[in-house]
């Protein structure tokens, strides 16, 4: 009798796992299909996309990579962890701005994205741990409704999300200098960091796959309107 019960339990668990795997595959397929069907990244497209996706703020493109996505924003940093721009629930989530940011006007604009194991979303940011990759992809472009911004990546470091909150605005030059010194000291790239108190910072963040709360943080600066 006990053996029969154990067998039924094992079969039930196998069925549950199979269902979960199928759901995961279908969800990933739906998310990939959604992003593949989005139009391009120019200014007119962003304005057009806003009609269907009111929370879109910009579009990010890193040339020579798979990173080419709309950037969303809402009033918290949790919603787009598991929602597509069309508000469908999906573990791919969206690339999104920190809810505290105001249209790239702040001292530091923070953009988040998942590190997916299939090469989508912000997973390719992991490659910046290799100097050779950084040398080939030092800049990327942000398309907003009114500007085209060229961003130069200056530093990368590993942060603990449980212990560190990334700054949005600095209350003083001293506070900014303290943060920039931390960035320089923590930089894992083999380059001279060229950041000053006048730079507008753009920060990309994704999971670092080192420990649960580890994050890969890429600090860039706005070079100019492209």
N, C-alpha and C. Protein backbone atom coordinates (compact mmCIF):
# COMPACT_ATOMS: atom_id res chain seq x y z
N UNK A 1 0.82 -1.20 0.00
CA UNK A 1 0.00 0.00 0.00
C UNK A 1 0.87 1.27 0.00
N UNK A 2 1.88 1.27 0.89
CA UNK A 2 2.77 2.43 0.97
C UNK A 2 3.51 2.63 -0.35
N UNK A 3 3.90 1.50 -0.96
CA UNK A 3 4.62 1.58 -2.24
C UNK A 3 3.73 2.19 -3.31
N UNK A 4 2.46 1.83 -3.30
CA UNK A 4 1.52 2.37 -4.28
C UNK A 4 1.34 3.87 -4.08
N UNK A 5 1.25 4.28 -2.82
CA UNK A 5 1.08 5.71 -2.51
C UNK A 5 2.29 6.50 -2.96
N UNK A 6 3.50 5.94 -2.71
CA UNK A 6 4.73 6.61 -3.13
C UNK A 6 4.80 6.74 -4.66
N UNK A 7 4.35 5.70 -5.34
CA UNK A 7 4.36 5.73 -6.79
C UNK A 7 3.41 6.80 -7.32
N UNK A 8 2.24 6.89 -6.68
CA UNK A 8 1.27 7.92 -7.08
C UNK A 8 1.83 9.32 -6.84
N UNK A 9 2.51 9.49 -5.69
CA UNK A 9 3.12 10.79 -5.38
C UNK A 9 4.19 11.15 -6.39
N UNK A 10 5.02 10.18 -6.75
CA UNK A 10 6.10 10.42 -7.72
C UNK A 10 5.53 10.80 -9.08
N UNK A 11 4.48 10.08 -9.50
CA UNK A 11 3.84 10.37 -10.78
C UNK A 11 3.20 11.76 -10.75
N UNK A 12 2.61 12.11 -9.61
CA UNK A 12 1.98 13.42 -9.47
C UNK A 12 3.02 14.53 -9.56
N UNK A 13 4.16 14.34 -8.90
CA UNK A 13 5.23 15.33 -8.94
C UNK A 13 5.78 15.47 -10.34
N UNK A 14 5.97 14.35 -11.03
CA UNK A 14 6.45 14.38 -12.41
C UNK A 14 5.49 15.15 -13.31
N UNK A 15 4.20 14.95 -13.09
CA UNK A 15 3.18 15.65 -13.87
C UNK A 15 3.24 17.15 -13.61
N UNK A 16 3.37 17.52 -12.33
CA UNK A 16 3.45 18.94 -11.97
C UNK A 16 4.67 19.59 -12.61
N UNK A 17 5.84 18.93 -12.50
CA UNK A 17 7.05 19.47 -13.10
C UNK A 17 6.92 19.60 -14.61
N UNK A 18 6.30 18.62 -15.25
CA UNK A 18 6.11 18.66 -16.69
C UNK A 18 5.23 19.84 -17.09
N UNK A 19 4.16 20.05 -16.32
CA UNK A 19 3.26 21.17 -16.60
C UNK A 19 3.99 22.50 -16.44
N UNK A 20 4.80 22.61 -15.38
CA UNK A 20 5.55 23.84 -15.14
C UNK A 20 6.55 24.11 -16.26
N UNK A 21 7.21 23.05 -16.75
CA UNK A 21 8.16 23.20 -17.85
C UNK A 21 7.46 23.68 -19.11
N UNK A 22 6.30 23.08 -19.40
CA UNK A 22 5.53 23.47 -20.58
C UNK A 22 5.08 24.93 -20.48
N UNK A 23 4.59 25.31 -19.29
CA UNK A 23 4.15 26.70 -19.07
C UNK A 23 5.31 27.66 -19.28
N UNK A 24 6.49 27.29 -18.75
CA UNK A 24 7.68 28.13 -18.89
C UNK A 24 8.07 28.30 -20.36
N UNK A 25 8.02 27.21 -21.12
CA UNK A 25 8.37 27.26 -22.54
C UNK A 25 7.40 28.15 -23.31
N UNK A 26 6.10 27.96 -23.03
CA UNK A 26 5.08 28.76 -23.72
C UNK A 26 5.19 30.24 -23.37
N UNK A 27 5.47 30.52 -22.09
CA UNK A 27 5.61 31.90 -21.64
C UNK A 27 6.80 32.56 -22.31
N UNK A 28 7.92 31.83 -22.38
CA UNK A 28 9.11 32.37 -23.04
C UNK A 28 8.85 32.62 -24.52
N UNK A 29 8.13 31.70 -25.15
CA UNK A 29 7.81 31.84 -26.57
C UNK A 29 6.94 33.08 -26.80
N UNK A 30 5.98 33.31 -25.91
CA UNK A 30 5.10 34.48 -26.03
C UNK A 30 5.89 35.78 -25.85
N UNK A 31 6.80 35.80 -24.87
CA UNK A 31 7.60 36.99 -24.63
C UNK A 31 8.52 37.30 -25.79
N UNK A 32 9.19 36.27 -26.32
CA UNK A 32 10.09 36.45 -27.45
C UNK A 32 9.33 36.94 -28.67
N UNK A 33 8.16 36.35 -28.90
CA UNK A 33 7.34 36.75 -30.04
C UNK A 33 6.91 38.21 -29.93
N UNK A 34 6.56 38.63 -28.71
CA UNK A 34 6.16 40.01 -28.51
C UNK A 34 7.27 40.97 -28.89
N UNK A 35 8.49 40.73 -28.38
CA UNK A 35 9.60 41.63 -28.65
C UNK A 35 10.02 41.59 -30.12
N UNK A 36 9.95 40.42 -30.73
CA UNK A 36 10.33 40.32 -32.14
C UNK A 36 9.39 41.07 -33.06
N UNK A 37 8.15 41.23 -32.63
CA UNK A 37 7.16 41.89 -33.48
C UNK A 37 7.10 43.40 -33.28
N UNK A 38 7.85 43.92 -32.32
CA UNK A 38 7.87 45.37 -32.12
C UNK A 38 8.56 46.06 -33.30
N UNK A 39 8.13 47.28 -33.64
CA UNK A 39 8.80 48.03 -34.72
C UNK A 39 10.17 48.51 -34.28
N UNK A 40 10.79 49.31 -35.13
CA UNK A 40 12.16 49.76 -34.90
C UNK A 40 12.31 50.74 -33.76
N UNK A 41 13.48 51.43 -33.73
CA UNK A 41 13.84 52.21 -32.56
C UNK A 41 13.85 53.71 -32.78
N UNK A 42 13.45 54.20 -33.97
CA UNK A 42 13.59 55.63 -34.19
C UNK A 42 12.53 56.43 -33.45
N UNK A 43 12.67 57.72 -33.48
CA UNK A 43 11.81 58.61 -32.68
C UNK A 43 10.34 58.44 -33.03
N UNK A 44 10.02 58.35 -34.31
CA UNK A 44 8.62 58.22 -34.73
C UNK A 44 8.03 56.93 -34.18
N UNK A 45 8.80 55.86 -34.19
CA UNK A 45 8.32 54.59 -33.68
C UNK A 45 7.99 54.69 -32.18
N UNK A 46 8.82 55.38 -31.43
CA UNK A 46 8.59 55.52 -30.00
C UNK A 46 7.28 56.26 -29.74
N UNK A 47 7.05 57.32 -30.49
CA UNK A 47 5.81 58.06 -30.34
C UNK A 47 4.63 57.17 -30.70
N UNK A 48 4.80 56.38 -31.76
CA UNK A 48 3.75 55.46 -32.17
C UNK A 48 3.53 54.37 -31.12
N UNK A 49 4.62 53.83 -30.58
CA UNK A 49 4.52 52.78 -29.56
C UNK A 49 3.80 53.28 -28.31
N UNK A 50 3.95 54.57 -28.03
CA UNK A 50 3.34 55.12 -26.82
C UNK A 50 1.81 55.04 -26.88
N UNK A 51 1.27 55.00 -28.07
CA UNK A 51 -0.18 54.88 -28.20
C UNK A 51 -0.66 53.53 -27.67
N UNK A 52 0.14 52.50 -27.89
CA UNK A 52 -0.22 51.16 -27.42
C UNK A 52 0.36 50.85 -26.04
N UNK A 53 1.52 51.46 -25.75
CA UNK A 53 2.21 51.19 -24.48
C UNK A 53 2.53 52.53 -23.81
N UNK A 54 1.57 53.11 -23.11
CA UNK A 54 1.71 54.46 -22.55
C UNK A 54 2.91 54.64 -21.62
N UNK A 55 3.40 53.56 -21.03
CA UNK A 55 4.50 53.69 -20.07
C UNK A 55 5.89 53.64 -20.70
N UNK A 56 5.97 53.61 -22.04
CA UNK A 56 7.28 53.59 -22.67
C UNK A 56 7.95 54.96 -22.51
N UNK A 57 9.24 54.93 -22.19
CA UNK A 57 10.00 56.17 -21.99
C UNK A 57 11.12 56.36 -23.01
N UNK A 58 11.64 55.24 -23.54
CA UNK A 58 12.76 55.35 -24.47
C UNK A 58 13.00 53.99 -25.11
N UNK A 59 14.09 53.91 -25.85
CA UNK A 59 14.47 52.65 -26.50
C UNK A 59 15.98 52.54 -26.40
N UNK A 60 16.48 51.38 -26.02
CA UNK A 60 17.92 51.17 -25.88
C UNK A 60 18.42 50.22 -26.96
N UNK A 61 19.56 50.55 -27.53
CA UNK A 61 20.17 49.68 -28.53
C UNK A 61 21.69 49.67 -28.34
N UNK A 62 22.24 48.48 -28.14
CA UNK A 62 23.68 48.31 -28.07
C UNK A 62 24.10 47.63 -29.37
N UNK A 63 24.73 48.39 -30.24
CA UNK A 63 25.06 47.89 -31.57
C UNK A 63 25.93 46.63 -31.50
N UNK A 64 25.59 45.65 -32.33
CA UNK A 64 26.36 44.42 -32.36
C UNK A 64 25.97 43.41 -31.30
N UNK A 65 24.86 43.68 -30.60
CA UNK A 65 24.38 42.75 -29.56
C UNK A 65 22.89 42.51 -29.77
N UNK A 66 22.31 41.66 -28.91
CA UNK A 66 20.87 41.42 -28.95
C UNK A 66 20.07 42.45 -28.17
N UNK A 67 20.76 43.40 -27.54
CA UNK A 67 20.06 44.38 -26.71
C UNK A 67 19.46 45.47 -27.58
N UNK A 68 18.16 45.38 -27.78
CA UNK A 68 17.40 46.33 -28.58
C UNK A 68 15.95 46.26 -28.08
N UNK A 69 15.63 47.11 -27.09
CA UNK A 69 14.35 46.98 -26.39
C UNK A 69 13.76 48.34 -26.02
N UNK A 70 12.44 48.40 -25.91
CA UNK A 70 11.81 49.59 -25.32
C UNK A 70 12.12 49.65 -23.83
N UNK A 71 12.13 50.85 -23.31
CA UNK A 71 12.37 51.07 -21.88
C UNK A 71 11.08 51.59 -21.26
N UNK A 72 10.59 50.88 -20.25
CA UNK A 72 9.33 51.21 -19.61
C UNK A 72 9.56 51.87 -18.25
N UNK A 73 8.48 52.42 -17.68
CA UNK A 73 8.56 52.96 -16.32
C UNK A 73 7.17 53.05 -15.72
N UNK A 74 7.06 52.67 -14.45
CA UNK A 74 5.82 52.86 -13.71
C UNK A 74 6.19 53.38 -12.33
N UNK A 75 5.25 53.32 -11.38
CA UNK A 75 5.49 53.96 -10.07
C UNK A 75 6.15 53.04 -9.05
N UNK A 76 6.74 51.94 -9.52
CA UNK A 76 7.50 51.06 -8.62
C UNK A 76 8.51 50.28 -9.45
N UNK A 77 9.42 49.58 -8.76
CA UNK A 77 10.46 48.81 -9.45
C UNK A 77 10.17 47.31 -9.48
N UNK A 78 8.91 46.94 -9.22
CA UNK A 78 8.55 45.52 -9.20
C UNK A 78 7.71 45.10 -10.41
N UNK A 79 6.84 45.97 -10.86
CA UNK A 79 5.86 45.59 -11.88
C UNK A 79 6.51 45.01 -13.14
N UNK A 80 7.51 45.71 -13.67
CA UNK A 80 8.10 45.27 -14.94
C UNK A 80 9.14 44.16 -14.78
N UNK A 81 9.29 43.67 -13.58
CA UNK A 81 10.09 42.47 -13.40
C UNK A 81 9.42 41.27 -14.06
N UNK A 82 8.08 41.29 -14.10
CA UNK A 82 7.35 40.15 -14.66
C UNK A 82 6.15 40.57 -15.51
N UNK A 83 6.27 41.73 -16.15
CA UNK A 83 5.23 42.17 -17.09
C UNK A 83 5.88 42.71 -18.37
N UNK A 84 5.31 42.34 -19.49
CA UNK A 84 5.75 42.88 -20.77
C UNK A 84 5.20 44.30 -20.93
N UNK A 85 5.68 45.06 -21.91
CA UNK A 85 5.15 46.40 -22.13
C UNK A 85 3.64 46.45 -22.39
N UNK A 86 3.07 45.33 -22.87
CA UNK A 86 1.63 45.29 -23.10
C UNK A 86 0.84 44.87 -21.86
N UNK A 87 1.53 44.80 -20.72
CA UNK A 87 0.94 44.47 -19.41
C UNK A 87 0.61 43.00 -19.23
N UNK A 88 1.01 42.16 -20.17
CA UNK A 88 0.84 40.72 -19.97
C UNK A 88 1.89 40.22 -18.99
N UNK A 89 1.46 39.35 -18.07
CA UNK A 89 2.40 38.81 -17.10
C UNK A 89 3.33 37.81 -17.80
N UNK A 90 4.64 38.00 -17.63
CA UNK A 90 5.62 37.16 -18.30
C UNK A 90 6.95 37.32 -17.58
N UNK A 91 7.63 36.19 -17.32
CA UNK A 91 8.87 36.25 -16.54
C UNK A 91 10.02 36.95 -17.26
N UNK A 92 9.90 37.15 -18.59
CA UNK A 92 10.92 37.93 -19.29
C UNK A 92 10.91 39.37 -18.80
N UNK A 93 9.71 39.84 -18.41
CA UNK A 93 9.60 41.21 -17.94
C UNK A 93 9.92 42.21 -19.03
N UNK A 94 10.33 43.40 -18.60
CA UNK A 94 10.68 44.49 -19.52
C UNK A 94 11.96 45.14 -19.06
N UNK A 95 12.60 45.85 -19.97
CA UNK A 95 13.67 46.77 -19.58
C UNK A 95 12.97 48.01 -19.04
N UNK A 96 13.41 48.51 -17.87
CA UNK A 96 12.64 49.62 -17.29
C UNK A 96 13.51 50.59 -16.50
N UNK A 97 13.02 51.82 -16.43
CA UNK A 97 13.66 52.88 -15.65
C UNK A 97 13.30 52.74 -14.18
N UNK A 98 14.23 53.12 -13.32
CA UNK A 98 13.92 53.24 -11.91
C UNK A 98 12.75 54.21 -11.75
N UNK A 99 11.79 53.87 -10.90
CA UNK A 99 10.59 54.69 -10.75
C UNK A 99 10.91 56.10 -10.25
N UNK A 100 12.08 56.28 -9.64
CA UNK A 100 12.45 57.59 -9.11
C UNK A 100 12.96 58.55 -10.18
N UNK A 101 13.34 58.01 -11.34
CA UNK A 101 13.93 58.85 -12.39
C UNK A 101 12.89 59.69 -13.12
N UNK A 102 13.36 60.84 -13.60
CA UNK A 102 12.50 61.78 -14.31
C UNK A 102 13.05 62.04 -15.71
N UNK A 103 12.68 61.17 -16.66
CA UNK A 103 12.99 61.38 -18.07
C UNK A 103 14.44 61.77 -18.37
N UNK A 104 15.38 61.06 -17.75
CA UNK A 104 16.80 61.23 -18.02
C UNK A 104 17.34 62.61 -17.62
N UNK A 105 16.63 63.27 -16.71
CA UNK A 105 17.07 64.59 -16.26
C UNK A 105 17.91 64.52 -14.99
N UNK A 106 17.92 63.37 -14.33
CA UNK A 106 18.58 63.27 -13.03
C UNK A 106 20.10 63.12 -13.17
N UNK A 107 20.79 63.23 -12.04
CA UNK A 107 22.24 63.03 -12.04
C UNK A 107 22.59 61.62 -12.50
N UNK A 108 21.77 60.66 -12.11
CA UNK A 108 22.02 59.25 -12.45
C UNK A 108 20.71 58.58 -12.83
N UNK A 109 20.60 58.16 -14.08
CA UNK A 109 19.41 57.44 -14.55
C UNK A 109 19.71 55.95 -14.53
N UNK A 110 18.85 55.16 -13.89
CA UNK A 110 19.11 53.73 -13.70
C UNK A 110 18.12 52.92 -14.54
N UNK A 111 18.67 51.97 -15.31
CA UNK A 111 17.87 51.13 -16.19
C UNK A 111 18.11 49.67 -15.82
N UNK A 112 17.01 48.94 -15.55
CA UNK A 112 17.11 47.55 -15.11
C UNK A 112 16.65 46.59 -16.20
N UNK A 113 17.18 45.37 -16.15
CA UNK A 113 16.72 44.31 -17.05
C UNK A 113 17.17 42.95 -16.54
N UNK A 114 16.39 41.92 -16.85
CA UNK A 114 16.73 40.57 -16.41
C UNK A 114 17.97 40.02 -17.13
N UNK A 115 18.68 39.15 -16.42
CA UNK A 115 19.78 38.38 -17.01
C UNK A 115 19.21 36.99 -17.35
N UNK A 116 18.61 36.87 -18.54
CA UNK A 116 17.98 35.61 -18.93
C UNK A 116 19.04 34.62 -19.41
N UNK A 117 18.75 33.34 -19.25
CA UNK A 117 19.75 32.32 -19.61
C UNK A 117 19.73 31.95 -21.08
N UNK A 118 18.92 32.65 -21.87
CA UNK A 118 18.87 32.36 -23.31
C UNK A 118 19.44 33.48 -24.16
N UNK A 119 20.10 34.44 -23.53
CA UNK A 119 20.73 35.52 -24.28
C UNK A 119 19.85 36.73 -24.54
N UNK A 120 18.62 36.73 -23.99
CA UNK A 120 17.73 37.87 -24.22
C UNK A 120 17.81 38.87 -23.07
N UNK A 121 17.07 39.97 -23.22
CA UNK A 121 17.01 41.07 -22.26
C UNK A 121 18.42 41.60 -21.97
N UNK A 122 18.83 41.71 -20.70
CA UNK A 122 20.15 42.28 -20.39
C UNK A 122 21.23 41.21 -20.15
N UNK A 123 20.99 39.98 -20.60
CA UNK A 123 21.95 38.91 -20.31
C UNK A 123 23.33 39.18 -20.90
N UNK A 124 23.38 39.86 -22.05
CA UNK A 124 24.68 40.11 -22.69
C UNK A 124 25.55 41.09 -21.91
N UNK A 125 24.97 41.78 -20.95
CA UNK A 125 25.79 42.68 -20.14
C UNK A 125 26.85 41.91 -19.37
N UNK A 126 26.59 40.63 -19.10
CA UNK A 126 27.58 39.78 -18.42
C UNK A 126 28.90 39.76 -19.19
N UNK A 127 28.82 39.93 -20.51
CA UNK A 127 30.04 39.87 -21.33
C UNK A 127 31.00 41.02 -21.04
N UNK A 128 30.48 42.08 -20.41
CA UNK A 128 31.35 43.22 -20.10
C UNK A 128 32.38 42.89 -19.03
N UNK A 129 32.27 41.71 -18.43
CA UNK A 129 33.31 41.29 -17.50
C UNK A 129 34.61 40.97 -18.24
N UNK A 130 34.49 40.76 -19.56
CA UNK A 130 35.66 40.49 -20.39
C UNK A 130 36.11 41.79 -21.07
N UNK A 131 37.36 42.14 -20.89
CA UNK A 131 37.89 43.39 -21.43
C UNK A 131 37.76 43.46 -22.95
N UNK A 132 37.97 42.34 -23.63
CA UNK A 132 37.90 42.33 -25.09
C UNK A 132 36.50 42.69 -25.58
N UNK A 133 35.48 42.25 -24.84
CA UNK A 133 34.09 42.58 -25.21
C UNK A 133 33.85 44.07 -24.98
N UNK A 134 34.33 44.57 -23.86
CA UNK A 134 34.16 45.99 -23.56
C UNK A 134 34.78 46.85 -24.64
N UNK A 135 35.97 46.48 -25.11
CA UNK A 135 36.65 47.27 -26.13
C UNK A 135 35.82 47.40 -27.40
N UNK A 136 35.01 46.38 -27.70
CA UNK A 136 34.20 46.39 -28.93
C UNK A 136 32.82 47.03 -28.74
N UNK A 137 32.41 47.19 -27.48
CA UNK A 137 31.05 47.70 -27.22
C UNK A 137 31.09 48.77 -26.12
N UNK A 138 31.87 49.79 -26.33
CA UNK A 138 32.03 50.82 -25.30
C UNK A 138 30.87 51.82 -25.26
N UNK A 139 30.12 51.91 -26.35
CA UNK A 139 29.04 52.88 -26.40
C UNK A 139 27.71 52.20 -26.77
N UNK A 140 26.63 52.86 -26.44
CA UNK A 140 25.31 52.42 -26.88
C UNK A 140 24.44 53.66 -27.04
N UNK A 141 23.23 53.45 -27.56
CA UNK A 141 22.35 54.57 -27.89
C UNK A 141 21.02 54.47 -27.18
N UNK A 142 20.55 55.61 -26.68
CA UNK A 142 19.22 55.72 -26.10
C UNK A 142 18.39 56.65 -26.98
N UNK A 143 17.24 56.15 -27.44
CA UNK A 143 16.33 56.95 -28.24
C UNK A 143 15.15 57.34 -27.36
N UNK A 144 14.95 58.63 -27.17
CA UNK A 144 13.80 59.10 -26.41
C UNK A 144 12.83 59.77 -27.38
N UNK A 145 11.75 60.32 -26.86
CA UNK A 145 10.79 61.00 -27.74
C UNK A 145 11.36 62.29 -28.31
N UNK A 146 12.37 62.84 -27.66
CA UNK A 146 12.88 64.14 -28.11
C UNK A 146 14.37 64.15 -28.42
N UNK A 147 15.11 63.12 -27.98
CA UNK A 147 16.57 63.12 -28.16
C UNK A 147 17.09 61.75 -28.56
N UNK A 148 18.29 61.77 -29.13
CA UNK A 148 19.05 60.55 -29.35
C UNK A 148 20.35 60.72 -28.57
N UNK A 149 20.54 59.91 -27.54
CA UNK A 149 21.68 60.06 -26.63
C UNK A 149 22.71 58.97 -26.86
N UNK A 150 23.95 59.38 -27.00
CA UNK A 150 25.06 58.42 -27.10
C UNK A 150 25.70 58.28 -25.73
N UNK A 151 25.79 57.03 -25.26
CA UNK A 151 26.30 56.77 -23.92
C UNK A 151 27.62 56.02 -24.00
N UNK A 152 28.61 56.47 -23.23
CA UNK A 152 29.91 55.81 -23.15
C UNK A 152 30.02 55.09 -21.80
N UNK A 153 30.24 53.78 -21.83
CA UNK A 153 30.41 53.01 -20.60
C UNK A 153 31.81 53.27 -20.05
N UNK A 154 31.87 53.70 -18.81
CA UNK A 154 33.14 54.06 -18.18
C UNK A 154 33.59 53.06 -17.13
N UNK A 155 32.67 52.34 -16.52
CA UNK A 155 33.06 51.43 -15.44
C UNK A 155 32.01 50.36 -15.25
N UNK A 156 32.43 49.27 -14.63
CA UNK A 156 31.51 48.18 -14.26
C UNK A 156 31.95 47.64 -12.90
N UNK A 157 30.98 47.33 -12.07
CA UNK A 157 31.32 46.74 -10.78
C UNK A 157 30.19 45.87 -10.28
N UNK A 158 30.49 45.05 -9.29
CA UNK A 158 29.50 44.15 -8.69
C UNK A 158 28.97 44.78 -7.41
N UNK A 159 27.64 44.89 -7.33
CA UNK A 159 27.01 45.47 -6.14
C UNK A 159 26.12 44.43 -5.46
N UNK A 160 25.89 44.63 -4.19
CA UNK A 160 24.98 43.79 -3.42
C UNK A 160 23.68 44.56 -3.25
N UNK A 161 22.63 44.11 -3.95
CA UNK A 161 21.35 44.82 -3.92
C UNK A 161 20.74 44.87 -2.53
N UNK A 162 21.14 43.94 -1.67
CA UNK A 162 20.58 43.91 -0.32
C UNK A 162 21.23 44.96 0.58
N UNK A 163 22.39 45.46 0.16
CA UNK A 163 23.12 46.39 1.01
C UNK A 163 23.30 47.77 0.39
N UNK A 164 23.14 47.87 -0.91
CA UNK A 164 23.46 49.13 -1.60
C UNK A 164 22.28 49.62 -2.42
N UNK A 165 21.93 50.90 -2.23
CA UNK A 165 20.92 51.54 -3.05
C UNK A 165 21.61 52.54 -3.97
N UNK A 166 21.38 52.39 -5.26
CA UNK A 166 22.04 53.26 -6.22
C UNK A 166 21.45 54.66 -6.17
N UNK A 167 22.30 55.70 -6.22
CA UNK A 167 21.80 57.08 -6.11
C UNK A 167 21.13 57.56 -7.39
N UNK A 168 20.17 58.45 -7.24
CA UNK A 168 19.52 59.10 -8.37
C UNK A 168 20.04 60.53 -8.53
N UNK A 169 20.01 61.29 -7.45
CA UNK A 169 20.55 62.64 -7.44
C UNK A 169 21.47 62.81 -6.24
N UNK A 170 22.44 63.67 -6.39
CA UNK A 170 23.41 63.91 -5.32
C UNK A 170 23.11 65.25 -4.65
N UNK A 171 23.15 65.24 -3.33
CA UNK A 171 22.81 66.45 -2.58
C UNK A 171 23.94 67.47 -2.57
N UNK A 172 25.15 67.00 -2.90
CA UNK A 172 26.30 67.90 -2.90
C UNK A 172 27.40 67.34 -3.79
N UNK A 173 28.36 68.19 -4.12
CA UNK A 173 29.51 67.75 -4.92
C UNK A 173 30.29 66.69 -4.16
N UNK A 174 30.38 66.86 -2.85
CA UNK A 174 31.11 65.90 -2.02
C UNK A 174 30.47 64.52 -2.10
N UNK A 175 29.15 64.48 -2.06
CA UNK A 175 28.44 63.20 -2.16
C UNK A 175 28.67 62.55 -3.52
N UNK A 176 28.64 63.37 -4.58
CA UNK A 176 28.89 62.85 -5.91
C UNK A 176 30.32 62.30 -6.02
N UNK A 177 31.28 63.06 -5.53
CA UNK A 177 32.68 62.64 -5.61
C UNK A 177 32.90 61.34 -4.84
N UNK A 178 32.22 61.20 -3.72
CA UNK A 178 32.33 59.97 -2.93
C UNK A 178 31.84 58.78 -3.73
N UNK A 179 30.73 58.95 -4.43
CA UNK A 179 30.20 57.85 -5.24
C UNK A 179 31.11 57.56 -6.43
N UNK A 180 31.59 58.59 -7.10
CA UNK A 180 32.47 58.37 -8.25
C UNK A 180 33.77 57.67 -7.83
N UNK A 181 34.27 58.01 -6.66
CA UNK A 181 35.48 57.34 -6.15
C UNK A 181 35.20 55.86 -5.89
N UNK A 182 34.02 55.56 -5.38
CA UNK A 182 33.64 54.17 -5.16
C UNK A 182 33.59 53.41 -6.49
N UNK A 183 33.01 54.05 -7.50
CA UNK A 183 32.92 53.44 -8.83
C UNK A 183 34.31 53.15 -9.37
N UNK A 184 35.21 54.12 -9.25
CA UNK A 184 36.57 53.96 -9.76
C UNK A 184 37.31 52.84 -9.02
N UNK A 185 37.16 52.81 -7.70
CA UNK A 185 37.85 51.80 -6.89
C UNK A 185 37.30 50.39 -7.14
N UNK A 186 36.01 50.30 -7.48
CA UNK A 186 35.36 49.00 -7.66
C UNK A 186 35.38 48.52 -9.11
N UNK A 187 35.83 49.36 -10.01
CA UNK A 187 35.78 49.06 -11.44
C UNK A 187 36.50 47.76 -11.77
N UNK A 188 35.84 46.87 -12.50
CA UNK A 188 36.44 45.59 -12.90
C UNK A 188 36.98 45.65 -14.33
N UNK A 189 36.80 46.78 -14.99
CA UNK A 189 37.34 46.95 -16.34
C UNK A 189 38.77 47.46 -16.28
N UNK A 190 39.53 47.14 -17.32
CA UNK A 190 40.93 47.56 -17.38
C UNK A 190 41.05 48.87 -18.16
N UNK A 191 40.39 49.88 -17.68
CA UNK A 191 40.43 51.17 -18.37
C UNK A 191 40.48 52.30 -17.35
N UNK A 192 40.91 53.44 -17.81
CA UNK A 192 40.92 54.61 -16.95
C UNK A 192 39.53 55.22 -16.96
N UNK A 193 38.93 55.34 -15.79
CA UNK A 193 37.57 55.88 -15.68
C UNK A 193 37.61 57.39 -15.84
N UNK A 194 36.84 57.89 -16.79
CA UNK A 194 36.81 59.32 -17.07
C UNK A 194 35.44 59.89 -16.74
N UNK A 195 35.22 60.17 -15.47
CA UNK A 195 33.96 60.74 -15.00
C UNK A 195 34.24 61.98 -14.18
N UNK A 196 33.38 62.99 -14.33
CA UNK A 196 33.55 64.20 -13.52
C UNK A 196 32.21 64.66 -12.98
N UNK A 197 32.21 65.73 -12.23
CA UNK A 197 31.02 66.19 -11.53
C UNK A 197 29.94 66.75 -12.46
N UNK A 198 30.29 67.03 -13.72
CA UNK A 198 29.30 67.57 -14.65
C UNK A 198 28.61 66.50 -15.48
N UNK A 199 29.12 65.28 -15.45
CA UNK A 199 28.58 64.22 -16.29
C UNK A 199 27.18 63.79 -15.85
N UNK A 200 26.30 63.57 -16.84
CA UNK A 200 25.03 62.90 -16.59
C UNK A 200 25.29 61.41 -16.68
N UNK A 201 24.99 60.68 -15.61
CA UNK A 201 25.28 59.25 -15.57
C UNK A 201 24.07 58.44 -16.02
N UNK A 202 24.36 57.37 -16.76
CA UNK A 202 23.34 56.38 -17.12
C UNK A 202 23.85 55.03 -16.62
N UNK A 203 23.06 54.35 -15.81
CA UNK A 203 23.49 53.11 -15.18
C UNK A 203 22.61 51.94 -15.64
N UNK A 204 23.26 50.87 -16.12
CA UNK A 204 22.55 49.65 -16.49
C UNK A 204 22.77 48.61 -15.40
N UNK A 205 21.70 47.91 -15.03
CA UNK A 205 21.78 46.95 -13.92
C UNK A 205 21.12 45.63 -14.31
N UNK A 206 21.81 44.52 -14.00
CA UNK A 206 21.23 43.20 -14.18
C UNK A 206 21.81 42.26 -13.12
N UNK A 207 21.23 41.07 -12.97
CA UNK A 207 21.76 40.10 -12.01
C UNK A 207 23.15 39.66 -12.45
N UNK A 208 24.02 39.40 -11.46
CA UNK A 208 25.41 39.06 -11.76
C UNK A 208 25.70 37.57 -11.69
N UNK A 209 24.75 36.76 -11.26
CA UNK A 209 24.93 35.30 -11.19
C UNK A 209 26.11 34.88 -10.31
N UNK A 210 26.35 35.64 -9.26
CA UNK A 210 27.41 35.29 -8.30
C UNK A 210 26.77 34.80 -7.01
N UNK A 211 25.85 35.60 -6.46
CA UNK A 211 25.01 35.21 -5.33
C UNK A 211 23.66 35.87 -5.54
N UNK A 212 22.68 35.50 -4.76
CA UNK A 212 21.29 35.89 -5.02
C UNK A 212 21.09 37.39 -5.21
N UNK A 213 21.76 38.18 -4.41
CA UNK A 213 21.53 39.63 -4.46
C UNK A 213 22.64 40.38 -5.20
N UNK A 214 23.50 39.65 -5.89
CA UNK A 214 24.58 40.31 -6.63
C UNK A 214 24.05 40.93 -7.91
N UNK A 215 24.53 42.12 -8.23
CA UNK A 215 24.13 42.83 -9.43
C UNK A 215 25.35 43.35 -10.18
N UNK A 216 25.30 43.22 -11.50
CA UNK A 216 26.31 43.82 -12.34
C UNK A 216 25.85 45.24 -12.68
N UNK A 217 26.67 46.21 -12.36
CA UNK A 217 26.32 47.62 -12.55
C UNK A 217 27.28 48.24 -13.55
N UNK A 218 26.74 48.76 -14.65
CA UNK A 218 27.56 49.42 -15.66
C UNK A 218 27.28 50.92 -15.63
N UNK A 219 28.32 51.68 -15.35
CA UNK A 219 28.19 53.13 -15.25
C UNK A 219 28.63 53.78 -16.56
N UNK A 220 27.73 54.54 -17.16
CA UNK A 220 28.06 55.25 -18.40
C UNK A 220 27.76 56.73 -18.25
N UNK A 221 28.21 57.50 -19.21
CA UNK A 221 27.92 58.94 -19.20
C UNK A 221 27.40 59.36 -20.57
N UNK A 222 26.57 60.39 -20.58
CA UNK A 222 26.05 60.92 -21.83
C UNK A 222 27.16 61.71 -22.52
N UNK A 223 27.53 61.27 -23.72
CA UNK A 223 28.57 61.96 -24.46
C UNK A 223 28.01 63.21 -25.11
N UNK A 224 26.90 63.02 -25.83
CA UNK A 224 26.30 64.13 -26.56
C UNK A 224 24.98 63.66 -27.16
N UNK A 225 24.21 64.59 -27.64
CA UNK A 225 23.05 64.22 -28.43
C UNK A 225 23.56 63.75 -29.77
N UNK A 226 23.24 62.51 -30.14
CA UNK A 226 23.77 61.96 -31.38
C UNK A 226 23.18 62.66 -32.60
